[in-house]
Amino acid sequence: MASFKDWFNEDEDDIFMGSPKSKFFDVSREASKDIVEEEIDKIIEKLAVLEMIISEGKGESFDINQYIQDYTLDNMAEVKAMKKGLYVEFTGEIICRLDS
């Protein structure tokens, strides 16, 4: 039996299990449109807050998109792991809402 860790690190091309990203989109296609819209709105709000925090005190010439691109290039493995974790988190949020 595969452990959670195995699922989290699974092959992106495994058609039977799928990646955290593919599972998120599978769940979001099957869930109610209202639930998915509300959860995506929460994601956008979280992103807005994080961008505001990062940009705080940096001045008008600060380019957040360049900052994010540079950070991603310097920390690719960690970013990929975090991205998978966030897909799992967001999928869980949608699934939890299905019972309510």
PDB file of N, CA and C in Angstrom:
ATOM      1  N   MET A   1       0.846  -1.183   0.000  1.00  0.00           N
ATOM      2  CA  MET A   1       0.000   0.000   0.000  1.00  0.00           C
ATOM      3  C   MET A   1       0.888   1.242   0.000  1.00  0.00           C
ATOM      4  N   ALA A   2       0.587   2.186  -0.871  1.00  0.00           N
ATOM      5  CA  ALA A   2       1.389   3.407  -0.986  1.00  0.00           C
ATOM      6  C   ALA A   2       1.107   4.332   0.192  1.00  0.00           C
ATOM      7  N   SER A   3       2.141   4.952   0.686  1.00  0.00           N
ATOM      8  CA  SER A   3       1.975   5.914   1.768  1.00  0.00           C
ATOM      9  C   SER A   3       1.651   7.283   1.189  1.00  0.00           C
ATOM     10  N   PHE A   4       1.264   8.204   2.069  1.00  0.00           N
ATOM     11  CA  PHE A   4       0.989   9.576   1.651  1.00  0.00           C
ATOM     12  C   PHE A   4       2.218  10.171   0.987  1.00  0.00           C
ATOM     13  N   LYS A   5       3.390   9.898   1.555  1.00  0.00           N
ATOM     14  CA  LYS A   5       4.628  10.435   0.997  1.00  0.00           C
ATOM     15  C   LYS A   5       4.824   9.947  -0.433  1.00  0.00           C
ATOM     16  N   ASP A   6       4.491   8.677  -0.697  1.00  0.00           N
ATOM     17  CA  ASP A   6       4.610   8.142  -2.057  1.00  0.00           C
ATOM     18  C   ASP A   6       3.666   8.874  -3.001  1.00  0.00           C
ATOM     19  N   TRP A   7       2.434   9.146  -2.542  1.00  0.00           N
ATOM     20  CA  TRP A   7       1.475   9.842  -3.386  1.00  0.00           C
ATOM     21  C   TRP A   7       1.946  11.258  -3.682  1.00  0.00           C
ATOM     22  N   PHE A   8       2.499  11.912  -2.665  1.00  0.00           N
ATOM     23  CA  PHE A   8       2.942  13.289  -2.814  1.00  0.00           C
ATOM     24  C   PHE A   8       4.092  13.389  -3.812  1.00  0.00           C
ATOM     25  N   ASN A   9       4.942  12.360  -3.870  1.00  0.00           N
ATOM     26  CA  ASN A   9       6.093  12.368  -4.762  1.00  0.00           C
ATOM     27  C   ASN A   9       5.893  11.504  -6.000  1.00  0.00           C
ATOM     28  N   GLU A  10       4.661  11.167  -6.306  1.00  0.00           N
ATOM     29  CA  GLU A  10       4.386  10.256  -7.405  1.00  0.00           C
ATOM     30  C   GLU A  10       4.825  10.808  -8.754  1.00  0.00           C
ATOM     31  N   ASP A  11       4.843   9.939  -9.702  1.00  0.00           N
ATOM     32  CA  ASP A  11       5.178  10.291 -11.074  1.00  0.00           C
ATOM     33  C   ASP A  11       4.073  11.184 -11.640  1.00  0.00           C
ATOM     34  N   GLU A  12       4.439  12.332 -12.156  1.00  0.00           N
ATOM     35  CA  GLU A  12       3.474  13.283 -12.698  1.00  0.00           C
ATOM     36  C   GLU A  12       2.638  12.687 -13.832  1.00  0.00           C
ATOM     37  N   ASP A  13       3.157  11.675 -14.513  1.00  0.00           N
ATOM     38  CA  ASP A  13       2.478  11.096 -15.669  1.00  0.00           C
ATOM     39  C   ASP A  13       1.686   9.839 -15.346  1.00  0.00           C
ATOM     40  N   ASP A  14       1.591   9.459 -14.096  1.00  0.00           N
ATOM     41  CA  ASP A  14       0.869   8.264 -13.691  1.00  0.00           C
ATOM     42  C   ASP A  14      -0.627   8.501 -13.904  1.00  0.00           C
ATOM     43  N   ILE A  15      -1.221   7.812 -14.896  1.00  0.00           N
ATOM     44  CA  ILE A  15      -2.619   8.077 -15.245  1.00  0.00           C
ATOM     45  C   ILE A  15      -3.602   7.537 -14.215  1.00  0.00           C
ATOM     46  N   PHE A  16      -3.176   6.604 -13.377  1.00  0.00           N
ATOM     47  CA  PHE A  16      -4.087   6.034 -12.401  1.00  0.00           C
ATOM     48  C   PHE A  16      -4.189   6.874 -11.138  1.00  0.00           C
ATOM     49  N   MET A  17      -3.089   7.435 -10.724  1.00  0.00           N
ATOM     50  CA  MET A  17      -3.097   8.239  -9.499  1.00  0.00           C
ATOM     51  C   MET A  17      -3.157   9.727  -9.838  1.00  0.00           C
ATOM     52  N   GLY A  18      -2.266  10.205 -10.652  1.00  0.00           N
ATOM     53  CA  GLY A  18      -2.218  11.618 -11.004  1.00  0.00           C
ATOM     54  C   GLY A  18      -1.418  12.421 -10.005  1.00  0.00           C
ATOM     55  N   SER A  19      -1.071  13.598 -10.403  1.00  0.00           N
ATOM     56  CA  SER A  19      -0.293  14.507  -9.566  1.00  0.00           C
ATOM     57  C   SER A  19      -1.234  15.300  -8.671  1.00  0.00           C
ATOM     58  N   PRO A  20      -0.695  15.964  -7.651  1.00  0.00           N
ATOM     59  CA  PRO A  20      -1.547  16.849  -6.846  1.00  0.00           C
ATOM     60  C   PRO A  20      -2.262  17.884  -7.712  1.00  0.00           C
ATOM     61  N   LYS A  21      -1.583  18.378  -8.732  1.00  0.00           N
ATOM     62  CA  LYS A  21      -2.199  19.351  -9.643  1.00  0.00           C
ATOM     63  C   LYS A  21      -3.385  18.724 -10.374  1.00  0.00           C
ATOM     64  N   SER A  22      -3.204  17.519 -10.920  1.00  0.00           N
ATOM     65  CA  SER A  22      -4.296  16.885 -11.667  1.00  0.00           C
ATOM     66  C   SER A  22      -5.473  16.556 -10.750  1.00  0.00           C
ATOM     67  N   LYS A  23      -5.191  16.141  -9.518  1.00  0.00           N
ATOM     68  CA  LYS A  23      -6.263  15.847  -8.569  1.00  0.00           C
ATOM     69  C   LYS A  23      -7.044  17.112  -8.214  1.00  0.00           C
ATOM     70  N   PHE A  24      -6.317  18.244  -8.048  1.00  0.00           N
ATOM     71  CA  PHE A  24      -6.987  19.510  -7.770  1.00  0.00           C
ATOM     72  C   PHE A  24      -7.977  19.834  -8.885  1.00  0.00           C
ATOM     73  N   PHE A  25      -7.535  19.716 -10.129  1.00  0.00           N
ATOM     74  CA  PHE A  25      -8.417  20.055 -11.239  1.00  0.00           C
ATOM     75  C   PHE A  25      -9.531  19.035 -11.408  1.00  0.00           C
ATOM     76  N   ASP A  26      -9.266  17.756 -11.119  1.00  0.00           N
ATOM     77  CA  ASP A  26     -10.336  16.752 -11.136  1.00  0.00           C
ATOM     78  C   ASP A  26     -11.423  17.126 -10.138  1.00  0.00           C
ATOM     79  N   VAL A  27     -11.010  17.433  -8.909  1.00  0.00           N
ATOM     80  CA  VAL A  27     -11.960  17.786  -7.854  1.00  0.00           C
ATOM     81  C   VAL A  27     -12.679  19.086  -8.204  1.00  0.00           C
ATOM     82  N   SER A  28     -11.948  20.070  -8.705  1.00  0.00           N
ATOM     83  CA  SER A  28     -12.578  21.361  -8.998  1.00  0.00           C
ATOM     84  C   SER A  28     -13.584  21.257 -10.145  1.00  0.00           C
ATOM     85  N   ARG A  29     -13.373  20.323 -11.062  1.00  0.00           N
ATOM     86  CA  ARG A  29     -14.345  20.134 -12.154  1.00  0.00           C
ATOM     87  C   ARG A  29     -15.617  19.435 -11.667  1.00  0.00           C
ATOM     88  N   GLU A  30     -15.488  18.627 -10.640  1.00  0.00           N
ATOM     89  CA  GLU A  30     -16.638  17.860 -10.137  1.00  0.00           C
ATOM     90  C   GLU A  30     -17.403  18.580  -9.038  1.00  0.00           C
ATOM     91  N   ALA A  31     -16.774  19.521  -8.368  1.00  0.00           N
ATOM     92  CA  ALA A  31     -17.415  20.229  -7.261  1.00  0.00           C
ATOM     93  C   ALA A  31     -18.353  21.309  -7.792  1.00  0.00           C
ATOM     94  N   SER A  32     -19.184  21.786  -6.921  1.00  0.00           N
ATOM     95  CA  SER A  32     -20.105  22.863  -7.258  1.00  0.00           C
ATOM     96  C   SER A  32     -19.320  24.102  -7.706  1.00  0.00           C
ATOM     97  N   LYS A  33     -19.849  24.761  -8.710  1.00  0.00           N
ATOM     98  CA  LYS A  33     -19.216  25.968  -9.238  1.00  0.00           C
ATOM     99  C   LYS A  33     -19.060  27.027  -8.145  1.00  0.00           C
ATOM    100  N   ASP A  34     -20.064  27.176  -7.298  1.00  0.00           N
ATOM    101  CA  ASP A  34     -20.010  28.175  -6.225  1.00  0.00           C
ATOM    102  C   ASP A  34     -18.879  27.881  -5.240  1.00  0.00           C
ATOM    103  N   ILE A  35     -18.731  26.614  -4.858  1.00  0.00           N
ATOM    104  CA  ILE A  35     -17.669  26.228  -3.928  1.00  0.00           C
ATOM    105  C   ILE A  35     -16.303  26.508  -4.541  1.00  0.00           C
ATOM    106  N   VAL A  36     -16.125  26.112  -5.793  1.00  0.00           N
ATOM    107  CA  VAL A  36     -14.835  26.320  -6.466  1.00  0.00           C
ATOM    108  C   VAL A  36     -14.531  27.803  -6.596  1.00  0.00           C
ATOM    109  N   GLU A  37     -15.519  28.607  -6.974  1.00  0.00           N
ATOM    110  CA  GLU A  37     -15.303  30.053  -7.097  1.00  0.00           C
ATOM    111  C   GLU A  37     -14.916  30.677  -5.760  1.00  0.00           C
ATOM    112  N   GLU A  38     -15.576  30.263  -4.684  1.00  0.00           N
ATOM    113  CA  GLU A  38     -15.246  30.798  -3.362  1.00  0.00           C
ATOM    114  C   GLU A  38     -13.834  30.404  -2.945  1.00  0.00           C
ATOM    115  N   GLU A  39     -13.440  29.165  -3.212  1.00  0.00           N
ATOM    116  CA  GLU A  39     -12.095  28.715  -2.845  1.00  0.00           C
ATOM    117  C   GLU A  39     -11.027  29.409  -3.692  1.00  0.00           C
ATOM    118  N   ILE A  40     -11.295  29.611  -4.970  1.00  0.00           N
ATOM    119  CA  ILE A  40     -10.335  30.325  -5.817  1.00  0.00           C
ATOM    120  C   ILE A  40     -10.240  31.782  -5.375  1.00  0.00           C
ATOM    121  N   ASP A  41     -11.355  32.377  -4.961  1.00  0.00           N
ATOM    122  CA  ASP A  41     -11.321  33.739  -4.440  1.00  0.00           C
ATOM    123  C   ASP A  41     -10.432  33.826  -3.196  1.00  0.00           C
ATOM    124  N   LYS A  42     -10.505  32.809  -2.323  1.00  0.00           N
ATOM    125  CA  LYS A  42      -9.636  32.771  -1.139  1.00  0.00           C
ATOM    126  C   LYS A  42      -8.168  32.682  -1.548  1.00  0.00           C
ATOM    127  N   ILE A  43      -7.876  31.898  -2.588  1.00  0.00           N
ATOM    128  CA  ILE A  43      -6.500  31.767  -3.078  1.00  0.00           C
ATOM    129  C   ILE A  43      -5.998  33.108  -3.600  1.00  0.00           C
ATOM    130  N   ILE A  44      -6.829  33.800  -4.378  1.00  0.00           N
ATOM    131  CA  ILE A  44      -6.443  35.106  -4.930  1.00  0.00           C
ATOM    132  C   ILE A  44      -6.236  36.121  -3.806  1.00  0.00           C
ATOM    133  N   GLU A  45      -7.089  36.082  -2.793  1.00  0.00           N
ATOM    134  CA  GLU A  45      -6.933  36.994  -1.651  1.00  0.00           C
ATOM    135  C   GLU A  45      -5.612  36.723  -0.931  1.00  0.00           C
ATOM    136  N   LYS A  46      -5.305  35.447  -0.724  1.00  0.00           N
ATOM    137  CA  LYS A  46      -4.047  35.067  -0.078  1.00  0.00           C
ATOM    138  C   LYS A  46      -2.858  35.556  -0.905  1.00  0.00           C
ATOM    139  N   LEU A  47      -2.927  35.400  -2.209  1.00  0.00           N
ATOM    140  CA  LEU A  47      -1.872  35.871  -3.101  1.00  0.00           C
ATOM    141  C   LEU A  47      -1.722  37.387  -3.024  1.00  0.00           C
ATOM    142  N   ALA A  48      -2.850  38.102  -2.978  1.00  0.00           N
ATOM    143  CA  ALA A  48      -2.813  39.565  -2.886  1.00  0.00           C
ATOM    144  C   ALA A  48      -2.113  40.005  -1.600  1.00  0.00           C
ATOM    145  N   VAL A  49      -2.457  39.358  -0.497  1.00  0.00           N
ATOM    146  CA  VAL A  49      -1.841  39.699   0.787  1.00  0.00           C
ATOM    147  C   VAL A  49      -0.345  39.408   0.756  1.00  0.00           C
ATOM    148  N   LEU A  50       0.035  38.261   0.227  1.00  0.00           N
ATOM    149  CA  LEU A  50       1.460  37.911   0.156  1.00  0.00           C
ATOM    150  C   LEU A  50       2.235  38.888  -0.725  1.00  0.00           C
ATOM    151  N   GLU A  51       1.646  39.304  -1.846  1.00  0.00           N
ATOM    152  CA  GLU A  51       2.309  40.292  -2.698  1.00  0.00           C
ATOM    153  C   GLU A  51       2.450  41.629  -1.980  1.00  0.00           C
ATOM    154  N   MET A  52       1.439  42.007  -1.224  1.00  0.00           N
ATOM    155  CA  MET A  52       1.514  43.259  -0.469  1.00  0.00           C
ATOM    156  C   MET A  52       2.611  43.181   0.591  1.00  0.00           C
ATOM    157  N   ILE A  53       2.717  42.060   1.270  1.00  0.00           N
ATOM    158  CA  ILE A  53       3.741  41.884   2.297  1.00  0.00           C
ATOM    159  C   ILE A  53       5.130  41.958   1.673  1.00  0.00           C
ATOM    160  N   ILE A  54       5.324  41.273   0.564  1.00  0.00           N
ATOM    161  CA  ILE A  54       6.636  41.261  -0.098  1.00  0.00           C
ATOM    162  C   ILE A  54       7.002  42.657  -0.609  1.00  0.00           C
ATOM    163  N   SER A  55       6.033  43.380  -1.148  1.00  0.00           N
ATOM    164  CA  SER A  55       6.290  44.692  -1.750  1.00  0.00           C
ATOM    165  C   SER A  55       6.423  45.822  -0.728  1.00  0.00           C
ATOM    166  N   GLU A  56       5.984  45.575   0.491  1.00  0.00           N
ATOM    167  CA  GLU A  56       5.965  46.613   1.518  1.00  0.00           C
ATOM    168  C   GLU A  56       7.345  47.250   1.711  1.00  0.00           C
ATOM    169  N   GLY A  57       7.388  48.561   1.561  1.00  0.00           N
ATOM    170  CA  GLY A  57       8.613  49.312   1.793  1.00  0.00           C
ATOM    171  C   GLY A  57       9.658  49.181   0.702  1.00  0.00           C
ATOM    172  N   LYS A  58       9.328  48.593  -0.423  1.00  0.00           N
ATOM    173  CA  LYS A  58      10.316  48.367  -1.489  1.00  0.00           C
ATOM    174  C   LYS A  58      10.385  49.517  -2.504  1.00  0.00           C
ATOM    175  N   GLY A  59       9.429  50.410  -2.506  1.00  0.00           N
ATOM    176  CA  GLY A  59       9.443  51.534  -3.445  1.00  0.00           C
ATOM    177  C   GLY A  59       8.726  51.207  -4.743  1.00  0.00           C
ATOM    178  N   GLU A  60       8.507  52.250  -5.524  1.00  0.00           N
ATOM    179  CA  GLU A  60       7.750  52.104  -6.768  1.00  0.00           C
ATOM    180  C   GLU A  60       8.490  51.344  -7.851  1.00  0.00           C
ATOM    181  N   SER A  61       9.807  51.317  -7.810  1.00  0.00           N
ATOM    182  CA  SER A  61      10.572  50.633  -8.861  1.00  0.00           C
ATOM    183  C   SER A  61      10.665  49.125  -8.636  1.00  0.00           C
ATOM    184  N   PHE A  62      10.154  48.647  -7.500  1.00  0.00           N
ATOM    185  CA  PHE A  62      10.211  47.221  -7.195  1.00  0.00           C
ATOM    186  C   PHE A  62       9.310  46.452  -8.148  1.00  0.00           C
ATOM    187  N   ASP A  63       9.881  45.441  -8.808  1.00  0.00           N
ATOM    188  CA  ASP A  63       9.143  44.597  -9.749  1.00  0.00           C
ATOM    189  C   ASP A  63       8.915  43.232  -9.100  1.00  0.00           C
ATOM    190  N   ILE A  64       7.720  43.048  -8.578  1.00  0.00           N
ATOM    191  CA  ILE A  64       7.430  41.809  -7.857  1.00  0.00           C
ATOM    192  C   ILE A  64       7.505  40.585  -8.763  1.00  0.00           C
ATOM    193  N   ASN A  65       7.112  40.733 -10.021  1.00  0.00           N
ATOM    194  CA  ASN A  65       7.166  39.595 -10.938  1.00  0.00           C
ATOM    195  C   ASN A  65       8.611  39.139 -11.179  1.00  0.00           C
ATOM    196  N   GLN A  66       9.514  40.083 -11.296  1.00  0.00           N
ATOM    197  CA  GLN A  66      10.929  39.745 -11.464  1.00  0.00           C
ATOM    198  C   GLN A  66      11.476  39.113 -10.188  1.00  0.00           C
ATOM    199  N   TYR A  67      11.071  39.653  -9.054  1.00  0.00           N
ATOM    200  CA  TYR A  67      11.487  39.106  -7.764  1.00  0.00           C
ATOM    201  C   TYR A  67      11.048  37.649  -7.636  1.00  0.00           C
ATOM    202  N   ILE A  68       9.799  37.380  -7.994  1.00  0.00           N
ATOM    203  CA  ILE A  68       9.265  36.015  -7.919  1.00  0.00           C
ATOM    204  C   ILE A  68       9.990  35.103  -8.900  1.00  0.00           C
ATOM    205  N   GLN A  69      10.234  35.583 -10.096  1.00  0.00           N
ATOM    206  CA  GLN A  69      10.950  34.777 -11.093  1.00  0.00           C
ATOM    207  C   GLN A  69      12.365  34.436 -10.608  1.00  0.00           C
ATOM    208  N   ASP A  70      13.069  35.417 -10.082  1.00  0.00           N
ATOM    209  CA  ASP A  70      14.420  35.180  -9.563  1.00  0.00           C
ATOM    210  C   ASP A  70      14.398  34.201  -8.390  1.00  0.00           C
ATOM    211  N   TYR A  71      13.447  34.391  -7.494  1.00  0.00           N
ATOM    212  CA  TYR A  71      13.336  33.511  -6.330  1.00  0.00           C
ATOM    213  C   TYR A  71      13.055  32.072  -6.771  1.00  0.00           C
ATOM    214  N   THR A  72      12.158  31.932  -7.741  1.00  0.00           N
ATOM    215  CA  THR A  72      11.815  30.605  -8.252  1.00  0.00           C
ATOM    216  C   THR A  72      13.031  29.923  -8.857  1.00  0.00           C
ATOM    217  N   LEU A  73      13.794  30.648  -9.652  1.00  0.00           N
ATOM    218  CA  LEU A  73      14.992  30.067 -10.271  1.00  0.00           C
ATOM    219  C   LEU A  73      16.020  29.646  -9.225  1.00  0.00           C
ATOM    220  N   ASP A  74      16.145  30.422  -8.165  1.00  0.00           N
ATOM    221  CA  ASP A  74      17.122  30.131  -7.108  1.00  0.00           C
ATOM    222  C   ASP A  74      16.671  29.015  -6.161  1.00  0.00           C
ATOM    223  N   ASN A  75      15.375  28.728  -6.145  1.00  0.00           N
ATOM    224  CA  ASN A  75      14.824  27.774  -5.169  1.00  0.00           C
ATOM    225  C   ASN A  75      13.849  26.795  -5.817  1.00  0.00           C
ATOM    226  N   MET A  76      14.172  26.326  -7.012  1.00  0.00           N
ATOM    227  CA  MET A  76      13.243  25.533  -7.820  1.00  0.00           C
ATOM    228  C   MET A  76      12.684  24.307  -7.092  1.00  0.00           C
ATOM    229  N   ALA A  77      13.532  23.522  -6.441  1.00  0.00           N
ATOM    230  CA  ALA A  77      13.062  22.297  -5.780  1.00  0.00           C
ATOM    231  C   ALA A  77      12.082  22.622  -4.649  1.00  0.00           C
ATOM    232  N   GLU A  78      12.409  23.626  -3.850  1.00  0.00           N
ATOM    233  CA  GLU A  78      11.544  24.007  -2.747  1.00  0.00           C
ATOM    234  C   GLU A  78      10.221  24.574  -3.248  1.00  0.00           C
ATOM    235  N   VAL A  79      10.280  25.344  -4.324  1.00  0.00           N
ATOM    236  CA  VAL A  79       9.063  25.924  -4.899  1.00  0.00           C
ATOM    237  C   VAL A  79       8.161  24.812  -5.435  1.00  0.00           C
ATOM    238  N   LYS A  80       8.743  23.836  -6.126  1.00  0.00           N
ATOM    239  CA  LYS A  80       7.940  22.720  -6.649  1.00  0.00           C
ATOM    240  C   LYS A  80       7.281  21.942  -5.517  1.00  0.00           C
ATOM    241  N   ALA A  81       8.021  21.699  -4.448  1.00  0.00           N
ATOM    242  CA  ALA A  81       7.463  20.979  -3.297  1.00  0.00           C
ATOM    243  C   ALA A  81       6.336  21.780  -2.651  1.00  0.00           C
ATOM    244  N   MET A  82       6.533  23.073  -2.480  1.00  0.00           N
ATOM    245  CA  MET A  82       5.506  23.924  -1.884  1.00  0.00           C
ATOM    246  C   MET A  82       4.268  23.978  -2.782  1.00  0.00           C
ATOM    247  N   LYS A  83       4.488  24.061  -4.072  1.00  0.00           N
ATOM    248  CA  LYS A  83       3.381  24.109  -5.018  1.00  0.00           C
ATOM    249  C   LYS A  83       2.537  22.833  -4.922  1.00  0.00           C
ATOM    250  N   LYS A  84       3.197  21.678  -4.851  1.00  0.00           N
ATOM    251  CA  LYS A  84       2.456  20.419  -4.692  1.00  0.00           C
ATOM    252  C   LYS A  84       1.671  20.422  -3.393  1.00  0.00           C
ATOM    253  N   GLY A  85       2.309  20.895  -2.325  1.00  0.00           N
ATOM    254  CA  GLY A  85       1.631  20.959  -1.037  1.00  0.00           C
ATOM    255  C   GLY A  85       0.416  21.867  -1.070  1.00  0.00           C
ATOM    256  N   LEU A  86       0.526  22.981  -1.760  1.00  0.00           N
ATOM    257  CA  LEU A  86      -0.610  23.897  -1.869  1.00  0.00           C
ATOM    258  C   LEU A  86      -1.742  23.285  -2.688  1.00  0.00           C
ATOM    259  N   TYR A  87      -1.407  22.554  -3.751  1.00  0.00           N
ATOM    260  CA  TYR A  87      -2.454  21.854  -4.509  1.00  0.00           C
ATOM    261  C   TYR A  87      -3.195  20.878  -3.601  1.00  0.00           C
ATOM    262  N   VAL A  88      -2.452  20.151  -2.763  1.00  0.00           N
ATOM    263  CA  VAL A  88      -3.077  19.212  -1.830  1.00  0.00           C
ATOM    264  C   VAL A  88      -3.972  19.976  -0.851  1.00  0.00           C
ATOM    265  N   GLU A  89      -3.455  21.078  -0.301  1.00  0.00           N
ATOM    266  CA  GLU A  89      -4.234  21.893   0.640  1.00  0.00           C
ATOM    267  C   GLU A  89      -5.515  22.413  -0.003  1.00  0.00           C
ATOM    268  N   PHE A  90      -5.408  22.985  -1.190  1.00  0.00           N
ATOM    269  CA  PHE A  90      -6.570  23.575  -1.840  1.00  0.00           C
ATOM    270  C   PHE A  90      -7.580  22.504  -2.255  1.00  0.00           C
ATOM    271  N   THR A  91      -7.095  21.339  -2.666  1.00  0.00           N
ATOM    272  CA  THR A  91      -7.989  20.230  -2.991  1.00  0.00           C
ATOM    273  C   THR A  91      -8.752  19.815  -1.744  1.00  0.00           C
ATOM    274  N   GLY A  92      -8.038  19.722  -0.626  1.00  0.00           N
ATOM    275  CA  GLY A  92      -8.687  19.378   0.640  1.00  0.00           C
ATOM    276  C   GLY A  92      -9.757  20.377   1.038  1.00  0.00           C
ATOM    277  N   GLU A  93      -9.476  21.654   0.820  1.00  0.00           N
ATOM    278  CA  GLU A  93     -10.451  22.702   1.157  1.00  0.00           C
ATOM    279  C   GLU A  93     -11.742  22.507   0.353  1.00  0.00           C
ATOM    280  N   ILE A  94     -11.619  22.194  -0.926  1.00  0.00           N
ATOM    281  CA  ILE A  94     -12.806  21.983  -1.763  1.00  0.00           C
ATOM    282  C   ILE A  94     -13.546  20.727  -1.305  1.00  0.00           C
ATOM    283  N   ILE A  95     -12.807  19.648  -1.056  1.00  0.00           N
ATOM    284  CA  ILE A  95     -13.439  18.396  -0.636  1.00  0.00           C
ATOM    285  C   ILE A  95     -14.170  18.577   0.688  1.00  0.00           C
ATOM    286  N   CYS A  96     -13.573  19.295   1.627  1.00  0.00           N
ATOM    287  CA  CYS A  96     -14.224  19.541   2.919  1.00  0.00           C
ATOM    288  C   CYS A  96     -15.529  20.308   2.755  1.00  0.00           C
ATOM    289  N   ARG A  97     -15.594  21.157   1.782  1.00  0.00           N
ATOM    290  CA  ARG A  97     -16.798  21.966   1.553  1.00  0.00           C
ATOM    291  C   ARG A  97     -17.913  21.150   0.901  1.00  0.00           C
ATOM    292  N   LEU A  98     -17.582  20.007   0.290  1.00  0.00           N
ATOM    293  CA  LEU A  98     -18.589  19.216  -0.408  1.00  0.00           C
ATOM    294  C   LEU A  98     -19.630  18.642   0.557  1.00  0.00           C
ATOM    295  N   ASP A  99     -19.233  18.405   1.798  1.00  0.00           N
ATOM    296  CA  ASP A  99     -20.151  17.837   2.780  1.00  0.00           C
ATOM    297  C   ASP A  99     -21.068  18.892   3.400  1.00  0.00           C
ATOM    298  N   SER A 100     -20.714  20.163   3.248  1.00  0.00           N
ATOM    299  CA  SER A 100     -21.497  21.199   3.920  1.00  0.00           C
ATOM    300  C   SER A 100     -22.650  21.718   3.086  1.00  0.00           C
TER     301      SER A 100
END
